[in-house]
């Protein structure tokens, strides 16, 4: 299951991230994945002091987004990383690494996230393409929107033909590792939010008991 969160970032936050991207240093993207020869992009230099501000802006947006939290059940989130694609750059088909080393320990990647920062009208190509069976799904979202998808999914970034594609990427370890269980709870949460007040009180209580008990069974803290 995929989820597009519209307006995760506010316009001032998008503007600030674009300004930071013009100022901070970018390095070769393969430094974080040297074995993947299809990765051709640039990423923010973690040693640049302005990188910390860019990561904080996106992290704070995650914290205030109820939609994000209800979908991923976040346990740990890797520091968001600004990534830039210029003409000719791409990232070939791949699945994200299952385990990632962070400064404070290891993170299991359950959900991947791309936050779009560049206006899609300013660059050609660069679509995030997620392969679902034989049907590729292409995403090129407005600035401030993000897409969440299982880290197990085969995906790629199409070559940028002109302009520059700026995104922020991160990976989330969920309290519920199983994608199907996580998706089911998200659907139940949505039904409860949309229809809860229309139910008879007794039925609503039974529904909530079932939802909370499923959450209790599946969450691993």
N, C-alpha and C. Protein backbone atom coordinates (compact mmCIF):
# COMPACT_ATOMS: atom_id res chain seq x y z
N UNK A 1 0.84 -1.19 0.00
CA UNK A 1 0.00 0.00 0.00
C UNK A 1 0.89 1.25 0.00
N UNK A 2 0.47 2.23 -0.76
CA UNK A 2 1.19 3.49 -0.87
C UNK A 2 0.31 4.60 -0.31
N UNK A 3 0.95 5.65 0.15
CA UNK A 3 0.20 6.80 0.62
C UNK A 3 0.90 8.08 0.20
N UNK A 4 0.15 8.98 -0.42
CA UNK A 4 0.63 10.32 -0.72
C UNK A 4 0.10 11.26 0.35
N UNK A 5 1.00 11.94 1.04
CA UNK A 5 0.63 12.93 2.05
C UNK A 5 0.78 14.30 1.41
N UNK A 6 -0.33 14.96 1.20
CA UNK A 6 -0.30 16.27 0.55
C UNK A 6 0.01 17.36 1.58
N UNK A 7 0.85 18.29 1.18
CA UNK A 7 1.16 19.42 2.06
C UNK A 7 1.88 19.04 3.34
N UNK A 8 2.74 18.03 3.27
CA UNK A 8 3.52 17.68 4.46
C UNK A 8 4.36 18.88 4.89
N UNK A 9 5.00 19.53 3.92
CA UNK A 9 5.79 20.74 4.18
C UNK A 9 4.97 21.97 3.84
N UNK A 10 5.14 23.02 4.60
CA UNK A 10 4.49 24.29 4.30
C UNK A 10 5.28 25.01 3.21
N UNK A 11 4.67 25.97 2.49
CA UNK A 11 5.42 26.73 1.49
C UNK A 11 6.68 27.40 2.04
N UNK A 12 6.65 28.01 3.24
CA UNK A 12 7.90 28.57 3.77
C UNK A 12 8.98 27.50 4.01
N UNK A 13 8.58 26.31 4.42
CA UNK A 13 9.55 25.24 4.61
C UNK A 13 10.16 24.80 3.29
N UNK A 14 9.32 24.70 2.26
CA UNK A 14 9.82 24.35 0.93
C UNK A 14 10.82 25.41 0.46
N UNK A 15 10.46 26.68 0.66
CA UNK A 15 11.35 27.77 0.24
C UNK A 15 12.68 27.71 0.98
N UNK A 16 12.62 27.42 2.27
CA UNK A 16 13.87 27.35 3.05
C UNK A 16 14.74 26.18 2.60
N UNK A 17 14.14 25.04 2.32
CA UNK A 17 14.91 23.88 1.86
C UNK A 17 15.55 24.16 0.51
N UNK A 18 14.83 24.85 -0.37
CA UNK A 18 15.42 25.22 -1.66
C UNK A 18 16.60 26.17 -1.46
N UNK A 19 16.46 27.11 -0.52
CA UNK A 19 17.55 28.05 -0.24
C UNK A 19 18.76 27.31 0.35
N UNK A 20 18.50 26.39 1.27
CA UNK A 20 19.60 25.61 1.86
C UNK A 20 20.31 24.77 0.80
N UNK A 21 19.53 24.24 -0.15
CA UNK A 21 20.13 23.41 -1.20
C UNK A 21 21.06 24.22 -2.09
N UNK A 22 20.79 25.52 -2.20
CA UNK A 22 21.67 26.37 -3.01
C UNK A 22 22.96 26.71 -2.25
N UNK A 23 22.93 26.57 -0.92
CA UNK A 23 24.06 26.98 -0.10
C UNK A 23 24.96 25.82 0.33
N UNK A 24 24.34 24.71 0.71
CA UNK A 24 25.14 23.64 1.30
C UNK A 24 25.88 22.83 0.25
N UNK A 25 26.85 22.08 0.71
CA UNK A 25 27.68 21.27 -0.17
C UNK A 25 27.01 19.93 -0.46
N UNK A 26 27.05 19.52 -1.73
CA UNK A 26 26.56 18.20 -2.13
C UNK A 26 27.76 17.34 -2.52
N UNK A 27 27.62 16.03 -2.26
CA UNK A 27 28.69 15.09 -2.58
C UNK A 27 28.11 13.96 -3.44
N UNK A 28 28.99 13.14 -3.97
CA UNK A 28 28.60 12.01 -4.80
C UNK A 28 27.67 11.07 -4.03
N UNK A 29 26.50 10.78 -4.64
CA UNK A 29 25.51 9.95 -3.97
C UNK A 29 25.94 8.53 -3.71
N UNK A 30 26.86 8.02 -4.49
CA UNK A 30 27.29 6.63 -4.32
C UNK A 30 28.14 6.42 -3.07
N UNK A 31 28.47 7.49 -2.38
CA UNK A 31 29.21 7.33 -1.13
C UNK A 31 28.41 6.51 -0.12
N UNK A 32 27.07 6.61 -0.19
CA UNK A 32 26.23 5.86 0.75
C UNK A 32 25.83 4.50 0.21
N UNK A 33 26.13 4.22 -1.05
CA UNK A 33 25.81 2.92 -1.64
C UNK A 33 26.77 2.64 -2.78
N UNK A 34 28.06 2.45 -2.47
CA UNK A 34 29.08 2.35 -3.51
C UNK A 34 28.94 1.14 -4.41
N UNK A 35 28.23 0.11 -3.96
CA UNK A 35 28.11 -1.11 -4.77
C UNK A 35 27.08 -0.98 -5.88
N UNK A 36 26.22 0.04 -5.82
CA UNK A 36 25.16 0.18 -6.81
C UNK A 36 25.62 1.09 -7.94
N UNK A 37 25.93 0.50 -9.08
CA UNK A 37 26.45 1.26 -10.21
C UNK A 37 25.37 2.07 -10.92
N UNK A 38 24.11 1.80 -10.61
CA UNK A 38 23.02 2.54 -11.27
C UNK A 38 22.66 3.81 -10.52
N UNK A 39 23.29 4.05 -9.37
CA UNK A 39 22.98 5.25 -8.58
C UNK A 39 23.85 6.39 -9.06
N UNK A 40 23.23 7.39 -9.68
CA UNK A 40 23.96 8.55 -10.19
C UNK A 40 23.21 9.79 -9.71
N UNK A 41 23.60 10.31 -8.57
CA UNK A 41 22.95 11.50 -8.03
C UNK A 41 23.90 12.19 -7.05
N UNK A 42 23.41 13.24 -6.43
CA UNK A 42 24.18 13.98 -5.44
C UNK A 42 23.37 14.04 -4.15
N UNK A 43 24.07 14.02 -3.02
CA UNK A 43 23.37 14.11 -1.75
C UNK A 43 24.09 15.11 -0.84
N UNK A 44 23.33 15.67 0.08
CA UNK A 44 23.89 16.67 0.98
C UNK A 44 25.05 16.10 1.78
N UNK A 45 26.09 16.89 1.93
CA UNK A 45 27.25 16.50 2.73
C UNK A 45 26.85 16.53 4.20
N UNK A 46 26.91 15.37 4.85
CA UNK A 46 26.50 15.28 6.25
C UNK A 46 27.37 16.13 7.16
N UNK A 47 28.55 16.49 6.70
CA UNK A 47 29.44 17.32 7.50
C UNK A 47 29.15 18.81 7.39
N UNK A 48 28.30 19.20 6.45
CA UNK A 48 27.95 20.60 6.30
C UNK A 48 26.98 20.99 7.41
N UNK A 49 27.27 22.04 8.19
CA UNK A 49 26.38 22.40 9.31
C UNK A 49 24.97 22.75 8.88
N UNK A 50 24.79 23.15 7.62
CA UNK A 50 23.45 23.49 7.15
C UNK A 50 22.61 22.25 6.87
N UNK A 51 23.27 21.10 6.75
CA UNK A 51 22.52 19.85 6.54
C UNK A 51 21.58 19.59 7.72
N UNK A 52 22.06 19.84 8.94
CA UNK A 52 21.26 19.58 10.12
C UNK A 52 19.94 20.34 10.10
N UNK A 53 19.97 21.59 9.63
CA UNK A 53 18.72 22.37 9.56
C UNK A 53 17.76 21.75 8.57
N UNK A 54 18.28 21.30 7.43
CA UNK A 54 17.40 20.69 6.41
C UNK A 54 16.74 19.43 6.95
N UNK A 55 17.49 18.61 7.68
CA UNK A 55 16.93 17.39 8.25
C UNK A 55 15.89 17.71 9.31
N UNK A 56 16.16 18.75 10.09
CA UNK A 56 15.23 19.12 11.17
C UNK A 56 13.90 19.61 10.61
N UNK A 57 13.93 20.35 9.51
CA UNK A 57 12.70 20.86 8.92
C UNK A 57 11.78 19.71 8.53
N UNK A 58 12.34 18.71 7.86
CA UNK A 58 11.52 17.58 7.41
C UNK A 58 11.09 16.71 8.59
N UNK A 59 11.98 16.51 9.54
CA UNK A 59 11.64 15.69 10.71
C UNK A 59 10.49 16.31 11.50
N UNK A 60 10.50 17.62 11.65
CA UNK A 60 9.42 18.29 12.38
C UNK A 60 8.09 18.17 11.63
N UNK A 61 8.15 18.16 10.30
CA UNK A 61 6.93 17.97 9.52
C UNK A 61 6.35 16.58 9.75
N UNK A 62 7.21 15.56 9.85
CA UNK A 62 6.73 14.22 10.16
C UNK A 62 6.05 14.19 11.52
N UNK A 63 6.63 14.86 12.49
CA UNK A 63 6.11 14.81 13.86
C UNK A 63 4.72 15.42 13.96
N UNK A 64 4.42 16.42 13.16
CA UNK A 64 3.11 17.06 13.27
C UNK A 64 2.06 16.44 12.35
N UNK A 65 2.46 15.51 11.49
CA UNK A 65 1.53 14.93 10.52
C UNK A 65 0.85 13.70 11.09
N UNK A 66 -0.42 13.82 11.43
CA UNK A 66 -1.19 12.67 11.92
C UNK A 66 -1.31 11.60 10.84
N UNK A 67 -1.47 12.02 9.60
CA UNK A 67 -1.60 11.08 8.49
C UNK A 67 -0.34 10.22 8.37
N UNK A 68 0.82 10.85 8.48
CA UNK A 68 2.08 10.12 8.43
C UNK A 68 2.17 9.11 9.56
N UNK A 69 1.88 9.53 10.77
CA UNK A 69 2.02 8.65 11.93
C UNK A 69 1.05 7.47 11.85
N UNK A 70 -0.18 7.73 11.42
CA UNK A 70 -1.18 6.67 11.35
C UNK A 70 -0.83 5.63 10.28
N UNK A 71 -0.09 6.04 9.27
CA UNK A 71 0.24 5.12 8.18
C UNK A 71 1.46 4.27 8.50
N UNK A 72 2.49 4.87 9.10
CA UNK A 72 3.76 4.14 9.26
C UNK A 72 3.98 3.58 10.66
N UNK A 73 3.22 4.04 11.67
CA UNK A 73 3.47 3.62 13.05
C UNK A 73 4.97 3.73 13.36
N UNK A 74 5.53 4.94 13.30
CA UNK A 74 6.99 5.08 13.37
C UNK A 74 7.57 4.69 14.72
N UNK A 75 8.65 3.93 14.65
CA UNK A 75 9.45 3.62 15.83
C UNK A 75 10.75 4.41 15.78
N UNK A 76 11.42 4.38 14.64
CA UNK A 76 12.64 5.16 14.43
C UNK A 76 12.62 5.68 13.00
N UNK A 77 13.14 6.89 12.81
CA UNK A 77 13.20 7.51 11.49
C UNK A 77 14.63 7.97 11.24
N UNK A 78 15.18 7.55 10.11
CA UNK A 78 16.51 8.02 9.75
C UNK A 78 16.46 9.51 9.45
N UNK A 79 17.54 10.21 9.72
CA UNK A 79 17.60 11.65 9.45
C UNK A 79 17.35 11.89 7.96
N UNK A 80 16.36 12.71 7.61
CA UNK A 80 16.08 12.97 6.19
C UNK A 80 17.31 13.57 5.48
N UNK A 81 17.46 13.16 4.22
CA UNK A 81 18.65 13.54 3.45
C UNK A 81 18.26 14.22 2.15
N UNK A 82 18.72 15.46 1.96
CA UNK A 82 18.49 16.15 0.69
C UNK A 82 19.27 15.46 -0.42
N UNK A 83 18.58 15.19 -1.53
CA UNK A 83 19.18 14.51 -2.68
C UNK A 83 18.85 15.29 -3.94
N UNK A 84 19.84 15.47 -4.80
CA UNK A 84 19.64 16.27 -6.01
C UNK A 84 20.02 15.46 -7.25
N UNK A 85 19.18 15.61 -8.26
CA UNK A 85 19.41 14.98 -9.56
C UNK A 85 19.48 16.07 -10.62
N UNK A 86 20.58 16.12 -11.34
CA UNK A 86 20.76 17.07 -12.44
C UNK A 86 20.67 16.31 -13.76
N UNK A 87 20.66 16.99 -14.90
CA UNK A 87 20.47 16.31 -16.18
C UNK A 87 21.41 15.10 -16.35
N UNK A 88 20.81 13.98 -16.74
CA UNK A 88 21.55 12.75 -16.94
C UNK A 88 21.62 11.86 -15.71
N UNK A 89 21.26 12.40 -14.53
CA UNK A 89 21.32 11.62 -13.31
C UNK A 89 20.06 10.78 -13.14
N UNK A 90 20.22 9.65 -12.45
CA UNK A 90 19.12 8.70 -12.25
C UNK A 90 19.49 7.77 -11.10
N UNK A 91 18.54 6.90 -10.76
CA UNK A 91 18.82 5.83 -9.80
C UNK A 91 18.08 4.61 -10.31
N UNK A 92 18.83 3.62 -10.78
CA UNK A 92 18.22 2.45 -11.39
C UNK A 92 17.39 1.63 -10.43
N UNK A 93 16.67 0.66 -10.97
CA UNK A 93 15.75 -0.15 -10.18
C UNK A 93 16.48 -0.84 -9.02
N UNK A 94 15.90 -0.74 -7.82
CA UNK A 94 16.51 -1.33 -6.63
C UNK A 94 15.47 -1.44 -5.52
N UNK A 95 15.76 -2.23 -4.53
CA UNK A 95 15.02 -2.23 -3.28
C UNK A 95 15.96 -1.68 -2.21
N UNK A 96 15.42 -0.96 -1.26
CA UNK A 96 16.27 -0.34 -0.24
C UNK A 96 16.85 -1.39 0.70
N UNK A 97 18.01 -1.07 1.24
CA UNK A 97 18.69 -2.00 2.16
C UNK A 97 17.78 -2.32 3.34
N UNK A 98 17.81 -3.58 3.76
CA UNK A 98 16.95 -4.02 4.85
C UNK A 98 17.36 -3.43 6.20
N UNK A 99 18.67 -3.30 6.41
CA UNK A 99 19.20 -2.80 7.68
C UNK A 99 20.17 -1.67 7.38
N UNK A 100 20.02 -0.56 8.08
CA UNK A 100 20.85 0.61 7.86
C UNK A 100 21.53 1.02 9.15
N UNK A 101 22.78 1.40 9.05
CA UNK A 101 23.55 1.83 10.22
C UNK A 101 23.34 3.32 10.45
N UNK A 102 22.87 3.67 11.63
CA UNK A 102 22.70 5.06 12.05
C UNK A 102 23.69 5.36 13.17
N UNK A 103 23.91 6.63 13.45
CA UNK A 103 24.85 6.97 14.53
C UNK A 103 24.48 6.35 15.88
N UNK A 104 23.17 6.14 16.10
CA UNK A 104 22.73 5.59 17.40
C UNK A 104 22.28 4.14 17.30
N UNK A 105 22.72 3.42 16.27
CA UNK A 105 22.38 2.01 16.17
C UNK A 105 21.84 1.64 14.80
N UNK A 106 21.34 0.41 14.69
CA UNK A 106 20.83 -0.09 13.43
C UNK A 106 19.34 0.19 13.28
N UNK A 107 18.91 0.41 12.04
CA UNK A 107 17.51 0.64 11.73
C UNK A 107 17.07 -0.36 10.67
N UNK A 108 15.94 -1.02 10.90
CA UNK A 108 15.35 -1.89 9.89
C UNK A 108 14.43 -1.04 9.01
N UNK A 109 14.66 -1.03 7.71
CA UNK A 109 13.84 -0.19 6.84
C UNK A 109 12.55 -0.92 6.48
N UNK A 110 11.44 -0.40 6.99
CA UNK A 110 10.11 -0.95 6.69
C UNK A 110 9.37 -0.09 5.67
N UNK A 111 9.50 1.23 5.82
CA UNK A 111 8.81 2.17 4.94
C UNK A 111 9.82 3.18 4.41
N UNK A 112 9.76 3.43 3.10
CA UNK A 112 10.61 4.44 2.47
C UNK A 112 9.77 5.67 2.18
N UNK A 113 10.42 6.83 2.18
CA UNK A 113 9.70 8.08 2.00
C UNK A 113 10.49 9.02 1.10
N UNK A 114 9.81 9.60 0.14
CA UNK A 114 10.38 10.66 -0.70
C UNK A 114 9.53 11.91 -0.53
N UNK A 115 10.16 12.99 -0.10
CA UNK A 115 9.49 14.28 0.04
C UNK A 115 9.93 15.15 -1.14
N UNK A 116 8.99 15.59 -1.95
CA UNK A 116 9.30 16.38 -3.14
C UNK A 116 9.45 17.84 -2.75
N UNK A 117 10.51 18.46 -3.26
CA UNK A 117 10.81 19.86 -2.93
C UNK A 117 10.80 20.74 -4.17
N UNK A 118 11.37 20.26 -5.26
CA UNK A 118 11.37 21.05 -6.50
C UNK A 118 9.97 21.10 -7.10
N UNK A 119 9.63 22.23 -7.70
CA UNK A 119 8.39 22.33 -8.48
C UNK A 119 8.53 21.42 -9.69
N UNK A 120 7.58 20.52 -9.94
CA UNK A 120 7.72 19.58 -11.07
C UNK A 120 7.79 20.26 -12.43
N UNK A 121 7.34 21.50 -12.51
CA UNK A 121 7.39 22.20 -13.79
C UNK A 121 8.80 22.68 -14.12
N UNK A 122 9.72 22.59 -13.14
CA UNK A 122 11.07 23.12 -13.35
C UNK A 122 12.06 22.06 -13.82
N UNK A 123 11.62 20.80 -13.93
CA UNK A 123 12.53 19.76 -14.42
C UNK A 123 11.74 18.73 -15.23
N UNK A 124 12.42 18.11 -16.18
CA UNK A 124 11.82 17.07 -17.00
C UNK A 124 12.41 15.72 -16.61
N UNK A 125 11.56 14.68 -16.62
CA UNK A 125 12.00 13.36 -16.18
C UNK A 125 12.02 13.31 -14.67
N UNK A 126 12.83 12.38 -14.12
CA UNK A 126 13.00 12.31 -12.67
C UNK A 126 11.82 11.71 -11.93
N UNK A 127 10.92 11.01 -12.61
CA UNK A 127 9.78 10.41 -11.92
C UNK A 127 10.23 9.28 -11.00
N UNK A 128 9.72 9.26 -9.79
CA UNK A 128 9.89 8.10 -8.93
C UNK A 128 8.97 7.01 -9.46
N UNK A 129 9.55 5.89 -9.87
CA UNK A 129 8.77 4.81 -10.48
C UNK A 129 8.81 3.60 -9.57
N UNK A 130 7.63 3.22 -9.09
CA UNK A 130 7.50 2.07 -8.20
C UNK A 130 6.89 0.93 -9.01
N UNK A 131 7.57 -0.21 -9.01
CA UNK A 131 7.12 -1.36 -9.81
C UNK A 131 6.23 -2.25 -8.95
N UNK A 132 4.99 -2.35 -9.35
CA UNK A 132 4.01 -3.18 -8.65
C UNK A 132 3.50 -4.21 -9.63
N UNK A 133 4.05 -5.42 -9.54
CA UNK A 133 3.73 -6.42 -10.55
C UNK A 133 4.27 -5.95 -11.89
N UNK A 134 3.41 -5.98 -12.91
CA UNK A 134 3.84 -5.52 -14.23
C UNK A 134 3.47 -4.08 -14.51
N UNK A 135 2.95 -3.39 -13.50
CA UNK A 135 2.47 -2.03 -13.71
C UNK A 135 3.35 -1.03 -12.97
N UNK A 136 4.19 -0.28 -13.69
CA UNK A 136 4.98 0.76 -13.02
C UNK A 136 4.12 1.96 -12.67
N UNK A 137 4.25 2.43 -11.44
CA UNK A 137 3.52 3.61 -10.98
C UNK A 137 4.51 4.75 -10.88
N UNK A 138 4.19 5.88 -11.55
CA UNK A 138 5.12 7.00 -11.59
C UNK A 138 4.60 8.16 -10.75
N UNK A 139 5.50 8.73 -9.97
CA UNK A 139 5.13 9.82 -9.07
C UNK A 139 6.07 11.01 -9.29
N UNK A 140 5.46 12.16 -9.48
CA UNK A 140 6.19 13.43 -9.62
C UNK A 140 5.28 14.48 -8.98
N UNK A 141 5.45 14.66 -7.68
CA UNK A 141 4.47 15.37 -6.88
C UNK A 141 4.82 16.85 -6.72
N UNK A 142 3.81 17.65 -6.36
CA UNK A 142 4.05 19.07 -6.07
C UNK A 142 5.00 19.24 -4.89
N UNK A 143 5.68 20.39 -4.81
CA UNK A 143 6.59 20.63 -3.69
C UNK A 143 5.85 20.59 -2.36
N UNK A 144 6.43 19.88 -1.40
CA UNK A 144 5.82 19.76 -0.08
C UNK A 144 5.07 18.47 0.13
N UNK A 145 4.70 17.78 -0.97
CA UNK A 145 4.02 16.49 -0.84
C UNK A 145 5.05 15.37 -0.68
N UNK A 146 4.62 14.26 -0.08
CA UNK A 146 5.52 13.11 0.02
C UNK A 146 4.78 11.84 -0.31
N UNK A 147 5.53 10.82 -0.67
CA UNK A 147 4.96 9.49 -0.88
C UNK A 147 5.65 8.51 0.05
N UNK A 148 4.84 7.62 0.62
CA UNK A 148 5.31 6.56 1.51
C UNK A 148 5.02 5.23 0.85
N UNK A 149 5.99 4.32 0.87
CA UNK A 149 5.80 3.02 0.22
C UNK A 149 6.69 1.99 0.91
N UNK A 150 6.35 0.70 0.82
CA UNK A 150 7.16 -0.32 1.49
C UNK A 150 8.58 -0.34 0.96
N UNK A 151 9.54 -0.46 1.86
CA UNK A 151 10.95 -0.47 1.46
C UNK A 151 11.30 -1.72 0.66
N UNK A 152 10.47 -2.72 0.72
CA UNK A 152 10.69 -3.95 -0.04
C UNK A 152 10.38 -3.79 -1.53
N UNK A 153 9.74 -2.69 -1.89
CA UNK A 153 9.26 -2.50 -3.26
C UNK A 153 10.39 -2.15 -4.21
N UNK A 154 10.40 -2.77 -5.39
CA UNK A 154 11.34 -2.41 -6.43
C UNK A 154 10.96 -1.03 -6.97
N UNK A 155 11.92 -0.11 -6.99
CA UNK A 155 11.62 1.24 -7.44
C UNK A 155 12.87 1.87 -8.05
N UNK A 156 12.68 2.98 -8.76
CA UNK A 156 13.79 3.67 -9.41
C UNK A 156 13.42 5.13 -9.64
N UNK A 157 14.43 5.93 -9.95
CA UNK A 157 14.23 7.33 -10.35
C UNK A 157 14.62 7.44 -11.81
N UNK A 158 13.68 7.86 -12.63
CA UNK A 158 13.93 7.99 -14.06
C UNK A 158 14.97 9.09 -14.32
N UNK A 159 15.73 8.98 -15.41
CA UNK A 159 16.73 10.00 -15.70
C UNK A 159 16.12 11.40 -15.81
N UNK A 160 16.80 12.37 -15.24
CA UNK A 160 16.40 13.77 -15.38
C UNK A 160 16.92 14.28 -16.72
N UNK A 161 16.03 14.85 -17.51
CA UNK A 161 16.41 15.32 -18.86
C UNK A 161 16.80 16.79 -18.85
N UNK A 162 16.20 17.57 -17.98
CA UNK A 162 16.56 18.98 -17.87
C UNK A 162 16.13 19.49 -16.51
N UNK A 163 16.74 20.60 -16.07
CA UNK A 163 16.43 21.14 -14.76
C UNK A 163 17.09 20.35 -13.66
N UNK A 164 16.57 20.49 -12.45
CA UNK A 164 17.14 19.79 -11.29
C UNK A 164 16.01 19.31 -10.39
N UNK A 165 16.11 18.06 -9.98
CA UNK A 165 15.12 17.43 -9.09
C UNK A 165 15.70 17.41 -7.68
N UNK A 166 15.03 18.09 -6.75
CA UNK A 166 15.46 18.12 -5.36
C UNK A 166 14.41 17.43 -4.51
N UNK A 167 14.83 16.43 -3.75
CA UNK A 167 13.92 15.72 -2.85
C UNK A 167 14.64 15.50 -1.52
N UNK A 168 13.86 15.11 -0.53
CA UNK A 168 14.42 14.66 0.73
C UNK A 168 13.95 13.23 0.94
N UNK A 169 14.87 12.34 1.26
CA UNK A 169 14.51 10.94 1.42
C UNK A 169 14.79 10.48 2.84
N UNK A 170 14.03 9.49 3.28
CA UNK A 170 14.31 8.89 4.58
C UNK A 170 13.72 7.49 4.61
N UNK A 171 14.02 6.79 5.71
CA UNK A 171 13.58 5.42 5.89
C UNK A 171 13.07 5.27 7.32
N UNK A 172 11.99 4.51 7.47
CA UNK A 172 11.33 4.40 8.75
C UNK A 172 11.29 2.96 9.22
N UNK A 173 11.67 2.74 10.47
CA UNK A 173 11.41 1.46 11.12
C UNK A 173 10.08 1.57 11.84
N UNK A 174 9.16 0.69 11.50
CA UNK A 174 7.81 0.77 12.05
C UNK A 174 7.66 -0.07 13.30
N UNK A 175 6.72 0.31 14.15
CA UNK A 175 6.35 -0.51 15.29
C UNK A 175 5.70 -1.82 14.85
N UNK A 176 5.23 -1.83 13.59
CA UNK A 176 4.61 -3.03 13.01
C UNK A 176 5.38 -3.36 11.75
N UNK A 177 6.23 -4.37 11.81
CA UNK A 177 7.11 -4.68 10.69
C UNK A 177 6.35 -5.21 9.48
N UNK A 178 5.28 -5.96 9.71
CA UNK A 178 4.55 -6.60 8.62
C UNK A 178 3.71 -5.57 7.85
N UNK A 179 3.97 -5.47 6.56
CA UNK A 179 3.29 -4.47 5.74
C UNK A 179 1.78 -4.69 5.69
N UNK A 180 1.34 -5.94 5.58
CA UNK A 180 -0.08 -6.22 5.48
C UNK A 180 -0.81 -5.85 6.77
N UNK A 181 -0.22 -6.16 7.89
CA UNK A 181 -0.85 -5.81 9.17
C UNK A 181 -0.91 -4.30 9.33
N UNK A 182 0.18 -3.63 8.95
CA UNK A 182 0.22 -2.17 9.06
C UNK A 182 -0.85 -1.53 8.18
N UNK A 183 -1.01 -2.05 6.97
CA UNK A 183 -2.02 -1.52 6.04
C UNK A 183 -3.43 -1.76 6.57
N UNK A 184 -3.66 -2.94 7.15
CA UNK A 184 -4.98 -3.24 7.69
C UNK A 184 -5.34 -2.29 8.83
N UNK A 185 -4.38 -2.03 9.71
CA UNK A 185 -4.67 -1.10 10.81
C UNK A 185 -4.90 0.32 10.30
N UNK A 186 -4.17 0.71 9.27
CA UNK A 186 -4.41 2.04 8.70
C UNK A 186 -5.84 2.14 8.17
N UNK A 187 -6.30 1.10 7.47
CA UNK A 187 -7.66 1.10 6.95
C UNK A 187 -8.69 1.16 8.08
N UNK A 188 -8.45 0.40 9.13
CA UNK A 188 -9.38 0.44 10.27
C UNK A 188 -9.39 1.82 10.92
N UNK A 189 -8.21 2.43 11.03
CA UNK A 189 -8.15 3.78 11.59
C UNK A 189 -8.94 4.76 10.74
N UNK A 190 -8.82 4.63 9.41
CA UNK A 190 -9.56 5.52 8.51
C UNK A 190 -11.06 5.31 8.63
N UNK A 191 -11.48 4.05 8.70
CA UNK A 191 -12.91 3.77 8.86
C UNK A 191 -13.43 4.34 10.16
N UNK A 192 -12.66 4.16 11.23
CA UNK A 192 -13.07 4.69 12.51
C UNK A 192 -13.20 6.21 12.49
N UNK A 193 -12.26 6.88 11.80
CA UNK A 193 -12.30 8.33 11.73
C UNK A 193 -13.47 8.83 10.88
N UNK A 194 -13.77 8.12 9.80
CA UNK A 194 -14.80 8.57 8.87
C UNK A 194 -16.21 8.17 9.29
N UNK A 195 -16.35 6.99 9.90
CA UNK A 195 -17.68 6.44 10.16
C UNK A 195 -17.99 6.26 11.63
N UNK A 196 -17.00 6.50 12.49
CA UNK A 196 -17.21 6.22 13.90
C UNK A 196 -18.44 6.87 14.50
N UNK A 197 -18.66 8.13 14.18
CA UNK A 197 -19.80 8.86 14.75
C UNK A 197 -21.13 8.41 14.19
N UNK A 198 -21.11 7.69 13.07
CA UNK A 198 -22.35 7.19 12.48
C UNK A 198 -22.78 5.85 13.08
N UNK A 199 -21.89 5.21 13.81
CA UNK A 199 -22.20 3.91 14.40
C UNK A 199 -23.01 4.10 15.69
N UNK A 200 -23.79 3.09 15.99
CA UNK A 200 -24.38 3.05 17.32
C UNK A 200 -23.23 2.97 18.33
N UNK A 201 -23.45 3.57 19.49
CA UNK A 201 -22.36 3.65 20.46
C UNK A 201 -21.82 2.27 20.81
N UNK A 202 -22.71 1.29 20.99
CA UNK A 202 -22.27 -0.05 21.36
C UNK A 202 -21.39 -0.65 20.27
N UNK A 203 -21.76 -0.44 18.99
CA UNK A 203 -20.96 -0.97 17.89
C UNK A 203 -19.63 -0.25 17.76
N UNK A 204 -19.65 1.04 18.02
CA UNK A 204 -18.41 1.81 17.96
C UNK A 204 -17.43 1.32 19.02
N UNK A 205 -17.92 1.04 20.22
CA UNK A 205 -17.07 0.54 21.29
C UNK A 205 -16.48 -0.81 20.90
N UNK A 206 -17.31 -1.70 20.33
CA UNK A 206 -16.81 -3.01 19.91
C UNK A 206 -15.74 -2.86 18.82
N UNK A 207 -15.99 -1.95 17.89
CA UNK A 207 -15.02 -1.69 16.82
C UNK A 207 -13.69 -1.21 17.40
N UNK A 208 -13.75 -0.27 18.34
CA UNK A 208 -12.53 0.27 18.93
C UNK A 208 -11.77 -0.78 19.73
N UNK A 209 -12.51 -1.64 20.43
CA UNK A 209 -11.85 -2.70 21.20
C UNK A 209 -11.09 -3.62 20.24
N UNK A 210 -11.73 -4.00 19.13
CA UNK A 210 -11.07 -4.88 18.16
C UNK A 210 -9.84 -4.20 17.56
N UNK A 211 -9.97 -2.92 17.21
CA UNK A 211 -8.86 -2.19 16.60
C UNK A 211 -7.68 -2.06 17.57
N UNK A 212 -7.97 -1.70 18.79
CA UNK A 212 -6.90 -1.53 19.77
C UNK A 212 -6.24 -2.87 20.11
N UNK A 213 -7.02 -3.94 20.16
CA UNK A 213 -6.43 -5.23 20.49
C UNK A 213 -5.57 -5.76 19.35
N UNK A 214 -5.96 -5.50 18.11
CA UNK A 214 -5.09 -5.86 16.98
C UNK A 214 -3.78 -5.08 17.04
N UNK A 215 -3.89 -3.80 17.36
CA UNK A 215 -2.69 -2.98 17.49
C UNK A 215 -1.79 -3.53 18.60
N UNK A 216 -2.40 -3.88 19.71
CA UNK A 216 -1.63 -4.43 20.83
C UNK A 216 -0.94 -5.74 20.47
N UNK A 217 -1.61 -6.57 19.67
CA UNK A 217 -1.03 -7.85 19.27
C UNK A 217 0.18 -7.67 18.34
N UNK A 218 0.11 -6.65 17.48
CA UNK A 218 1.10 -6.54 16.39
C UNK A 218 2.23 -5.57 16.66
N UNK A 219 2.02 -4.62 17.54
CA UNK A 219 3.08 -3.63 17.81
C UNK A 219 4.22 -4.28 18.58
N UNK A 220 5.45 -4.01 18.14
CA UNK A 220 6.64 -4.48 18.83
C UNK A 220 7.46 -3.25 19.25
N UNK A 221 7.46 -3.00 20.55
CA UNK A 221 8.14 -1.80 21.06
C UNK A 221 9.58 -2.14 21.43
